[in-house]
Amino acid sequence: MMVKEELKKLGLHFILVELGEVEIMETLSPEQTKQLKVNAVLNNFKRRSNLLI
């Protein structure tokens, strides 16, 4: 699953990855938030608050 791979690349630990929902254990740093947004755009994901859909 692409979402799981992107989270792993950022070193994030996830509890839940389902269609339309991701729950991670950590609080994102500003750099992780920025990188997650970039990766989401590159993979054609849409980001809404703390969810990738």
C-alpha atoms as a PDB file:
ATOM      1  CA  MET A   1       0.000   0.000   0.000  1.00  0.00           C
ATOM      2  CA  MET A   2       1.504   3.332  -1.053  1.00  0.00           C
ATOM      3  CA  VAL A   3       0.397   5.218   2.045  1.00  0.00           C
ATOM      4  CA  LYS A   4       2.175   2.779   4.366  1.00  0.00           C
ATOM      5  CA  GLU A   5       5.356   3.012   2.297  1.00  0.00           C
ATOM      6  CA  GLU A   6       5.330   6.811   2.406  1.00  0.00           C
ATOM      7  CA  LEU A   7       4.839   6.796   6.179  1.00  0.00           C
ATOM      8  CA  LYS A   8       7.694   4.313   6.588  1.00  0.00           C
ATOM      9  CA  LYS A   9       9.976   6.504   4.453  1.00  0.00           C
ATOM     10  CA  LEU A  10       9.350   9.345   6.903  1.00  0.00           C
ATOM     11  CA  GLY A  11      10.032   7.093   9.877  1.00  0.00           C
ATOM     12  CA  LEU A  12       6.456   7.374  11.145  1.00  0.00           C
ATOM     13  CA  HIS A  13       4.770   4.583  13.089  1.00  0.00           C
ATOM     14  CA  PHE A  14       1.145   4.052  12.219  1.00  0.00           C
ATOM     15  CA  ILE A  15      -1.638   2.433  14.182  1.00  0.00           C
ATOM     16  CA  LEU A  16      -4.247   2.401  11.449  1.00  0.00           C
ATOM     17  CA  VAL A  17      -4.145   2.745   7.670  1.00  0.00           C
ATOM     18  CA  GLU A  18      -7.492   2.373   5.958  1.00  0.00           C
ATOM     19  CA  LEU A  19      -9.044   3.908   2.899  1.00  0.00           C
ATOM     20  CA  GLY A  20      -9.389   7.573   3.749  1.00  0.00           C
ATOM     21  CA  GLU A  21      -7.816   7.378   7.190  1.00  0.00           C
ATOM     22  CA  VAL A  22      -4.352   7.206   8.725  1.00  0.00           C
ATOM     23  CA  GLU A  23      -3.623   7.258  12.426  1.00  0.00           C
ATOM     24  CA  ILE A  24      -0.003   7.744  13.444  1.00  0.00           C
ATOM     25  CA  MET A  25       1.600   7.465  16.866  1.00  0.00           C
ATOM     26  CA  GLU A  26       3.869  10.510  16.678  1.00  0.00           C
ATOM     27  CA  THR A  27       3.137  14.206  16.583  1.00  0.00           C
ATOM     28  CA  LEU A  28       4.432  15.448  13.246  1.00  0.00           C
ATOM     29  CA  SER A  29       7.273  17.929  13.227  1.00  0.00           C
ATOM     30  CA  PRO A  30       6.969  20.881  10.829  1.00  0.00           C
ATOM     31  CA  GLU A  31       9.483  19.179   8.504  1.00  0.00           C
ATOM     32  CA  GLN A  32       7.555  15.874   8.549  1.00  0.00           C
ATOM     33  CA  THR A  33       4.327  17.736   7.830  1.00  0.00           C
ATOM     34  CA  LYS A  34       5.957  19.515   4.898  1.00  0.00           C
ATOM     35  CA  GLN A  35       7.432  16.289   3.511  1.00  0.00           C
ATOM     36  CA  LEU A  36       4.144  14.433   3.938  1.00  0.00           C
ATOM     37  CA  LYS A  37       2.365  17.162   1.959  1.00  0.00           C
ATOM     38  CA  VAL A  38       4.975  16.971  -0.819  1.00  0.00           C
ATOM     39  CA  ASN A  39       4.765  13.161  -0.951  1.00  0.00           C
ATOM     40  CA  ALA A  40       0.976  13.304  -0.989  1.00  0.00           C
ATOM     41  CA  VAL A  41       0.976  15.641  -3.977  1.00  0.00           C
ATOM     42  CA  LEU A  42       3.560  13.542  -5.815  1.00  0.00           C
ATOM     43  CA  ASN A  43       1.417  10.436  -5.276  1.00  0.00           C
ATOM     44  CA  ASN A  44      -1.860  12.185  -6.140  1.00  0.00           C
ATOM     45  CA  PHE A  45      -3.211  11.866  -2.590  1.00  0.00           C
ATOM     46  CA  LYS A  46      -5.394  14.555  -1.098  1.00  0.00           C
ATOM     47  CA  ARG A  47      -4.547  15.745   2.406  1.00  0.00           C
ATOM     48  CA  ARG A  48      -7.166  16.928   4.862  1.00  0.00           C
ATOM     49  CA  SER A  49      -5.893  17.898   8.352  1.00  0.00           C
ATOM     50  CA  ASN A  50      -4.285  14.692   9.674  1.00  0.00           C
ATOM     51  CA  LEU A  51      -5.867  12.404   7.089  1.00  0.00           C
ATOM     52  CA  LEU A  52      -4.608  11.286   3.711  1.00  0.00           C
ATOM     53  CA  ILE A  53      -7.282  10.239   1.315  1.00  0.00           C
END
